């Protein structure tokens, strides 16, 4: 159960950081 929680949490952190980089690279992004 802890492994499942940790893996899911890390995947979301990775996706969040990738989203932030993509939005910062575009002008007039929210």
ModelCIF file with pLDDT and N, C-alpha, C, O atoms, coordinates in Angstrom:
data_MODEL
#
_entry.id   MODEL 
#
_entity.id                         1 
_entity.type                       polymer 
_entity.pdbx_number_of_molecules   1 
#
_entity_poly.entity_id                      1 
_entity_poly.type                           'polypeptide(L)' 
_entity_poly.nstd_linkage                   no 
_entity_poly.nstd_monomer                   no 
_entity_poly.pdbx_seq_one_letter_code       
;(UNK)(UNK)(UNK)(UNK)(UNK)(UNK)(UNK)(UNK)(UNK)(UNK)(UNK)(UNK)(UNK)(UNK)(UNK)(UNK)
(UNK)(UNK)(UNK)(UNK)(UNK)(UNK)(UNK)(UNK)(UNK)(UNK)(UNK)(UNK)(UNK)(UNK)
;
_entity_poly.pdbx_seq_one_letter_code_can   XXXXXXXXXXXXXXXXXXXXXXXXXXXXXX 
_entity_poly.pdbx_strand_id                 A 
#
loop_
_entity_poly_seq.entity_id 
_entity_poly_seq.num 
_entity_poly_seq.mon_id 
_entity_poly_seq.hetero 
1 1  UNK n 
1 2  UNK n 
1 3  UNK n 
1 4  UNK n 
1 5  UNK n 
1 6  UNK n 
1 7  UNK n 
1 8  UNK n 
1 9  UNK n 
1 10 UNK n 
1 11 UNK n 
1 12 UNK n 
1 13 UNK n 
1 14 UNK n 
1 15 UNK n 
1 16 UNK n 
1 17 UNK n 
1 18 UNK n 
1 19 UNK n 
1 20 UNK n 
1 21 UNK n 
1 22 UNK n 
1 23 UNK n 
1 24 UNK n 
1 25 UNK n 
1 26 UNK n 
1 27 UNK n 
1 28 UNK n 
1 29 UNK n 
1 30 UNK n 
#
_struct_asym.id          A 
_struct_asym.entity_id   1 
#
loop_
_ma_qa_metric.id 
_ma_qa_metric.mode 
_ma_qa_metric.name 
_ma_qa_metric.software_group_id 
_ma_qa_metric.type 
1 global pLDDT . pLDDT 
2 local  pLDDT . pLDDT 
#
_ma_qa_metric_global.metric_id      1 
_ma_qa_metric_global.metric_value   69.17 
_ma_qa_metric_global.model_id       1 
_ma_qa_metric_global.ordinal_id     1 
#
loop_
_ma_qa_metric_local.label_asym_id 
_ma_qa_metric_local.label_comp_id 
_ma_qa_metric_local.label_seq_id 
_ma_qa_metric_local.metric_id 
_ma_qa_metric_local.metric_value 
_ma_qa_metric_local.model_id 
_ma_qa_metric_local.ordinal_id 
A UNK 1  2 87.00 1 1  
A UNK 2  2 85.00 1 2  
A UNK 3  2 82.00 1 3  
A UNK 4  2 80.00 1 4  
A UNK 5  2 77.00 1 5  
A UNK 6  2 79.00 1 6  
A UNK 7  2 76.00 1 7  
A UNK 8  2 72.00 1 8  
A UNK 9  2 68.00 1 9  
A UNK 10 2 73.00 1 10 
A UNK 11 2 71.00 1 11 
A UNK 12 2 67.00 1 12 
A UNK 13 2 69.00 1 13 
A UNK 14 2 68.00 1 14 
A UNK 15 2 68.00 1 15 
A UNK 16 2 63.00 1 16 
A UNK 17 2 69.00 1 17 
A UNK 18 2 69.00 1 18 
A UNK 19 2 63.00 1 19 
A UNK 20 2 64.00 1 20 
A UNK 21 2 67.00 1 21 
A UNK 22 2 66.00 1 22 
A UNK 23 2 61.00 1 23 
A UNK 24 2 65.00 1 24 
A UNK 25 2 63.00 1 25 
A UNK 26 2 64.00 1 26 
A UNK 27 2 63.00 1 27 
A UNK 28 2 60.00 1 28 
A UNK 29 2 59.00 1 29 
A UNK 30 2 57.00 1 30 
#
loop_
_atom_site.group_PDB 
_atom_site.id 
_atom_site.type_symbol 
_atom_site.label_atom_id 
_atom_site.label_alt_id 
_atom_site.label_comp_id 
_atom_site.label_asym_id 
_atom_site.label_entity_id 
_atom_site.label_seq_id 
_atom_site.pdbx_PDB_ins_code 
_atom_site.Cartn_x 
_atom_site.Cartn_y 
_atom_site.Cartn_z 
_atom_site.occupancy 
_atom_site.B_iso_or_equiv 
_atom_site.pdbx_formal_charge 
_atom_site.auth_seq_id 
_atom_site.auth_comp_id 
_atom_site.auth_asym_id 
_atom_site.auth_atom_id 
_atom_site.pdbx_PDB_model_num 
ATOM 1   N N  . UNK A 1 1  ? 0.828  -1.207 0.000   1.00 87.00 ? 1  UNK A N  1 
ATOM 2   C CA . UNK A 1 1  ? 0.000  0.000  0.000   1.00 87.00 ? 1  UNK A CA 1 
ATOM 3   C C  . UNK A 1 1  ? 0.863  1.259  0.000   1.00 87.00 ? 1  UNK A C  1 
ATOM 4   O O  . UNK A 1 1  ? 0.573  2.205  -0.733  1.00 87.00 ? 1  UNK A O  1 
ATOM 5   N N  . UNK A 1 2  ? 1.905  1.281  0.801   1.00 85.00 ? 2  UNK A N  1 
ATOM 6   C CA . UNK A 1 2  ? 2.793  2.438  0.838   1.00 85.00 ? 2  UNK A CA 1 
ATOM 7   C C  . UNK A 1 2  ? 3.521  2.625  -0.486  1.00 85.00 ? 2  UNK A C  1 
ATOM 8   O O  . UNK A 1 2  ? 3.714  3.753  -0.938  1.00 85.00 ? 2  UNK A O  1 
ATOM 9   N N  . UNK A 1 3  ? 3.924  1.521  -1.106  1.00 82.00 ? 3  UNK A N  1 
ATOM 10  C CA . UNK A 1 3  ? 4.580  1.605  -2.411  1.00 82.00 ? 3  UNK A CA 1 
ATOM 11  C C  . UNK A 1 3  ? 3.633  2.186  -3.451  1.00 82.00 ? 3  UNK A C  1 
ATOM 12  O O  . UNK A 1 3  ? 4.041  3.000  -4.280  1.00 82.00 ? 3  UNK A O  1 
ATOM 13  N N  . UNK A 1 4  ? 2.379  1.775  -3.412  1.00 80.00 ? 4  UNK A N  1 
ATOM 14  C CA . UNK A 1 4  ? 1.393  2.291  -4.358  1.00 80.00 ? 4  UNK A CA 1 
ATOM 15  C C  . UNK A 1 4  ? 1.163  3.786  -4.144  1.00 80.00 ? 4  UNK A C  1 
ATOM 16  O O  . UNK A 1 4  ? 1.059  4.544  -5.108  1.00 80.00 ? 4  UNK A O  1 
ATOM 17  N N  . UNK A 1 5  ? 1.085  4.206  -2.890  1.00 77.00 ? 5  UNK A N  1 
ATOM 18  C CA . UNK A 1 5  ? 0.891  5.631  -2.598  1.00 77.00 ? 5  UNK A CA 1 
ATOM 19  C C  . UNK A 1 5  ? 2.095  6.451  -3.073  1.00 77.00 ? 5  UNK A C  1 
ATOM 20  O O  . UNK A 1 5  ? 1.932  7.486  -3.721  1.00 77.00 ? 5  UNK A O  1 
ATOM 21  N N  . UNK A 1 6  ? 3.296  5.985  -2.748  1.00 79.00 ? 6  UNK A N  1 
ATOM 22  C CA . UNK A 1 6  ? 4.505  6.726  -3.111  1.00 79.00 ? 6  UNK A CA 1 
ATOM 23  C C  . UNK A 1 6  ? 4.656  6.840  -4.621  1.00 79.00 ? 6  UNK A C  1 
ATOM 24  O O  . UNK A 1 6  ? 4.997  7.905  -5.136  1.00 79.00 ? 6  UNK A O  1 
ATOM 25  N N  . UNK A 1 7  ? 4.405  5.756  -5.323  1.00 76.00 ? 7  UNK A N  1 
ATOM 26  C CA . UNK A 1 7  ? 4.549  5.761  -6.778  1.00 76.00 ? 7  UNK A CA 1 
ATOM 27  C C  . UNK A 1 7  ? 3.548  6.726  -7.415  1.00 76.00 ? 7  UNK A C  1 
ATOM 28  O O  . UNK A 1 7  ? 3.909  7.484  -8.315  1.00 76.00 ? 7  UNK A O  1 
ATOM 29  N N  . UNK A 1 8  ? 2.301  6.704  -6.958  1.00 72.00 ? 8  UNK A N  1 
ATOM 30  C CA . UNK A 1 8  ? 1.286  7.611  -7.499  1.00 72.00 ? 8  UNK A CA 1 
ATOM 31  C C  . UNK A 1 8  ? 1.624  9.064  -7.197  1.00 72.00 ? 8  UNK A C  1 
ATOM 32  O O  . UNK A 1 8  ? 1.473  9.933  -8.055  1.00 72.00 ? 8  UNK A O  1 
ATOM 33  N N  . UNK A 1 9  ? 2.079  9.324  -5.987  1.00 68.00 ? 9  UNK A N  1 
ATOM 34  C CA . UNK A 1 9  ? 2.420  10.693 -5.591  1.00 68.00 ? 9  UNK A CA 1 
ATOM 35  C C  . UNK A 1 9  ? 3.566  11.236 -6.442  1.00 68.00 ? 9  UNK A C  1 
ATOM 36  O O  . UNK A 1 9  ? 3.513  12.380 -6.893  1.00 68.00 ? 9  UNK A O  1 
ATOM 37  N N  . UNK A 1 10 ? 4.599  10.427 -6.665  1.00 73.00 ? 10 UNK A N  1 
ATOM 38  C CA . UNK A 1 10 ? 5.734  10.869 -7.464  1.00 73.00 ? 10 UNK A CA 1 
ATOM 39  C C  . UNK A 1 10 ? 5.343  11.094 -8.921  1.00 73.00 ? 10 UNK A C  1 
ATOM 40  O O  . UNK A 1 10 ? 5.850  12.016 -9.560  1.00 73.00 ? 10 UNK A O  1 
ATOM 41  N N  . UNK A 1 11 ? 4.463  10.277 -9.445  1.00 71.00 ? 11 UNK A N  1 
ATOM 42  C CA . UNK A 1 11 ? 4.019  10.479 -10.810 1.00 71.00 ? 11 UNK A CA 1 
ATOM 43  C C  . UNK A 1 11 ? 3.260  11.798 -10.958 1.00 71.00 ? 11 UNK A C  1 
ATOM 44  O O  . UNK A 1 11 ? 3.427  12.506 -11.951 1.00 71.00 ? 11 UNK A O  1 
ATOM 45  N N  . UNK A 1 12 ? 2.439  12.119 -9.984  1.00 67.00 ? 12 UNK A N  1 
ATOM 46  C CA . UNK A 1 12 ? 1.711  13.389 -10.044 1.00 67.00 ? 12 UNK A CA 1 
ATOM 47  C C  . UNK A 1 12 ? 2.648  14.584 -9.920  1.00 67.00 ? 12 UNK A C  1 
ATOM 48  O O  . UNK A 1 12 ? 2.453  15.600 -10.588 1.00 67.00 ? 12 UNK A O  1 
ATOM 49  N N  . UNK A 1 13 ? 3.651  14.469 -9.079  1.00 69.00 ? 13 UNK A N  1 
ATOM 50  C CA . UNK A 1 13 ? 4.627  15.558 -8.960  1.00 69.00 ? 13 UNK A CA 1 
ATOM 51  C C  . UNK A 1 13 ? 5.359  15.755 -10.289 1.00 69.00 ? 13 UNK A C  1 
ATOM 52  O O  . UNK A 1 13 ? 5.615  16.886 -10.702 1.00 69.00 ? 13 UNK A O  1 
ATOM 53  N N  . UNK A 1 14 ? 5.689  14.655 -10.947 1.00 68.00 ? 14 UNK A N  1 
ATOM 54  C CA . UNK A 1 14 ? 6.372  14.742 -12.227 1.00 68.00 ? 14 UNK A CA 1 
ATOM 55  C C  . UNK A 1 14 ? 5.472  15.406 -13.272 1.00 68.00 ? 14 UNK A C  1 
ATOM 56  O O  . UNK A 1 14 ? 5.919  16.278 -14.018 1.00 68.00 ? 14 UNK A O  1 
ATOM 57  N N  . UNK A 1 15 ? 4.225  14.996 -13.322 1.00 68.00 ? 15 UNK A N  1 
ATOM 58  C CA . UNK A 1 15 ? 3.300  15.590 -14.285 1.00 68.00 ? 15 UNK A CA 1 
ATOM 59  C C  . UNK A 1 15 ? 3.062  17.070 -13.990 1.00 68.00 ? 15 UNK A C  1 
ATOM 60  O O  . UNK A 1 15 ? 2.948  17.878 -14.912 1.00 68.00 ? 15 UNK A O  1 
ATOM 61  N N  . UNK A 1 16 ? 2.988  17.422 -12.716 1.00 63.00 ? 16 UNK A N  1 
ATOM 62  C CA . UNK A 1 16 ? 2.769  18.825 -12.358 1.00 63.00 ? 16 UNK A CA 1 
ATOM 63  C C  . UNK A 1 16 ? 3.945  19.697 -12.801 1.00 63.00 ? 16 UNK A C  1 
ATOM 64  O O  . UNK A 1 16 ? 3.750  20.775 -13.361 1.00 63.00 ? 16 UNK A O  1 
ATOM 65  N N  . UNK A 1 17 ? 5.157  19.225 -12.548 1.00 69.00 ? 17 UNK A N  1 
ATOM 66  C CA . UNK A 1 17 ? 6.320  20.002 -12.957 1.00 69.00 ? 17 UNK A CA 1 
ATOM 67  C C  . UNK A 1 17 ? 6.407  20.121 -14.481 1.00 69.00 ? 17 UNK A C  1 
ATOM 68  O O  . UNK A 1 17 ? 6.783  21.169 -15.005 1.00 69.00 ? 17 UNK A O  1 
ATOM 69  N N  . UNK A 1 18 ? 6.063  19.056 -15.180 1.00 69.00 ? 18 UNK A N  1 
ATOM 70  C CA . UNK A 1 18 ? 6.100  19.118 -16.642 1.00 69.00 ? 18 UNK A CA 1 
ATOM 71  C C  . UNK A 1 18 ? 5.042  20.093 -17.167 1.00 69.00 ? 18 UNK A C  1 
ATOM 72  O O  . UNK A 1 18 ? 5.295  20.824 -18.124 1.00 69.00 ? 18 UNK A O  1 
ATOM 73  N N  . UNK A 1 19 ? 3.876  20.105 -16.556 1.00 63.00 ? 19 UNK A N  1 
ATOM 74  C CA . UNK A 1 19 ? 2.841  21.048 -16.954 1.00 63.00 ? 19 UNK A CA 1 
ATOM 75  C C  . UNK A 1 19 ? 3.290  22.486 -16.725 1.00 63.00 ? 19 UNK A C  1 
ATOM 76  O O  . UNK A 1 19 ? 3.071  23.348 -17.576 1.00 63.00 ? 19 UNK A O  1 
ATOM 77  N N  . UNK A 1 20 ? 3.918  22.752 -15.581 1.00 64.00 ? 20 UNK A N  1 
ATOM 78  C CA . UNK A 1 20 ? 4.392  24.105 -15.285 1.00 64.00 ? 20 UNK A CA 1 
ATOM 79  C C  . UNK A 1 20 ? 5.438  24.551 -16.303 1.00 64.00 ? 20 UNK A C  1 
ATOM 80  O O  . UNK A 1 20 ? 5.421  25.705 -16.732 1.00 64.00 ? 20 UNK A O  1 
ATOM 81  N N  . UNK A 1 21 ? 6.342  23.666 -16.694 1.00 67.00 ? 21 UNK A N  1 
ATOM 82  C CA . UNK A 1 21 ? 7.357  24.040 -17.681 1.00 67.00 ? 21 UNK A CA 1 
ATOM 83  C C  . UNK A 1 21 ? 6.725  24.330 -19.041 1.00 67.00 ? 21 UNK A C  1 
ATOM 84  O O  . UNK A 1 21 ? 7.122  25.277 -19.720 1.00 67.00 ? 21 UNK A O  1 
ATOM 85  N N  . UNK A 1 22 ? 5.758  23.532 -19.437 1.00 66.00 ? 22 UNK A N  1 
ATOM 86  C CA . UNK A 1 22 ? 5.102  23.756 -20.718 1.00 66.00 ? 22 UNK A CA 1 
ATOM 87  C C  . UNK A 1 22 ? 4.323  25.075 -20.747 1.00 66.00 ? 22 UNK A C  1 
ATOM 88  O O  . UNK A 1 22 ? 4.339  25.792 -21.747 1.00 66.00 ? 22 UNK A O  1 
ATOM 89  N N  . UNK A 1 23 ? 3.640  25.385 -19.638 1.00 61.00 ? 23 UNK A N  1 
ATOM 90  C CA . UNK A 1 23 ? 2.850  26.617 -19.607 1.00 61.00 ? 23 UNK A CA 1 
ATOM 91  C C  . UNK A 1 23 ? 3.743  27.850 -19.550 1.00 61.00 ? 23 UNK A C  1 
ATOM 92  O O  . UNK A 1 23 ? 3.424  28.872 -20.156 1.00 61.00 ? 23 UNK A O  1 
ATOM 93  N N  . UNK A 1 24 ? 4.859  27.766 -18.828 1.00 65.00 ? 24 UNK A N  1 
ATOM 94  C CA . UNK A 1 24 ? 5.764  28.912 -18.751 1.00 65.00 ? 24 UNK A CA 1 
ATOM 95  C C  . UNK A 1 24 ? 6.429  29.193 -20.092 1.00 65.00 ? 24 UNK A C  1 
ATOM 96  O O  . UNK A 1 24 ? 6.820  30.328 -20.366 1.00 65.00 ? 24 UNK A O  1 
ATOM 97  N N  . UNK A 1 25 ? 6.559  28.179 -20.919 1.00 63.00 ? 25 UNK A N  1 
ATOM 98  C CA . UNK A 1 25 ? 7.196  28.366 -22.224 1.00 63.00 ? 25 UNK A CA 1 
ATOM 99  C C  . UNK A 1 25 ? 6.258  29.010 -23.240 1.00 63.00 ? 25 UNK A C  1 
ATOM 100 O O  . UNK A 1 25 ? 6.704  29.415 -24.314 1.00 63.00 ? 25 UNK A O  1 
ATOM 101 N N  . UNK A 1 26 ? 4.969  29.112 -22.922 1.00 64.00 ? 26 UNK A N  1 
ATOM 102 C CA . UNK A 1 26 ? 3.997  29.686 -23.850 1.00 64.00 ? 26 UNK A CA 1 
ATOM 103 C C  . UNK A 1 26 ? 3.571  31.067 -23.378 1.00 64.00 ? 26 UNK A C  1 
ATOM 104 O O  . UNK A 1 26 ? 3.341  31.270 -22.186 1.00 64.00 ? 26 UNK A O  1 
ATOM 105 N N  . UNK A 1 27 ? 3.462  32.012 -24.294 1.00 63.00 ? 27 UNK A N  1 
ATOM 106 C CA . UNK A 1 27 ? 3.016  33.352 -23.885 1.00 63.00 ? 27 UNK A CA 1 
ATOM 107 C C  . UNK A 1 27 ? 1.524  33.361 -23.573 1.00 63.00 ? 27 UNK A C  1 
ATOM 108 O O  . UNK A 1 27 ? 0.742  32.597 -24.138 1.00 63.00 ? 27 UNK A O  1 
ATOM 109 N N  . UNK A 1 28 ? 1.162  34.245 -22.663 1.00 60.00 ? 28 UNK A N  1 
ATOM 110 C CA . UNK A 1 28 ? -0.230 34.451 -22.276 1.00 60.00 ? 28 UNK A CA 1 
ATOM 111 C C  . UNK A 1 28 ? -0.901 33.157 -21.809 1.00 60.00 ? 28 UNK A C  1 
ATOM 112 O O  . UNK A 1 28 ? -2.085 32.939 -22.066 1.00 60.00 ? 28 UNK A O  1 
ATOM 113 N N  . UNK A 1 29 ? -0.165 32.330 -21.145 1.00 59.00 ? 29 UNK A N  1 
ATOM 114 C CA . UNK A 1 29 ? -0.755 31.107 -20.607 1.00 59.00 ? 29 UNK A CA 1 
ATOM 115 C C  . UNK A 1 29 ? -1.300 31.357 -19.217 1.00 59.00 ? 29 UNK A C  1 
ATOM 116 O O  . UNK A 1 29 ? -0.757 32.198 -18.502 1.00 59.00 ? 29 UNK A O  1 
ATOM 117 N N  . UNK A 1 30 ? -2.349 30.665 -18.802 1.00 57.00 ? 30 UNK A N  1 
ATOM 118 C CA . UNK A 1 30 ? -2.887 30.858 -17.452 1.00 57.00 ? 30 UNK A CA 1 
ATOM 119 C C  . UNK A 1 30 ? -1.902 30.398 -16.379 1.00 57.00 ? 30 UNK A C  1 
ATOM 120 O O  . UNK A 1 30 ? -2.199 30.491 -15.188 1.00 57.00 ? 30 UNK A O  1 
#
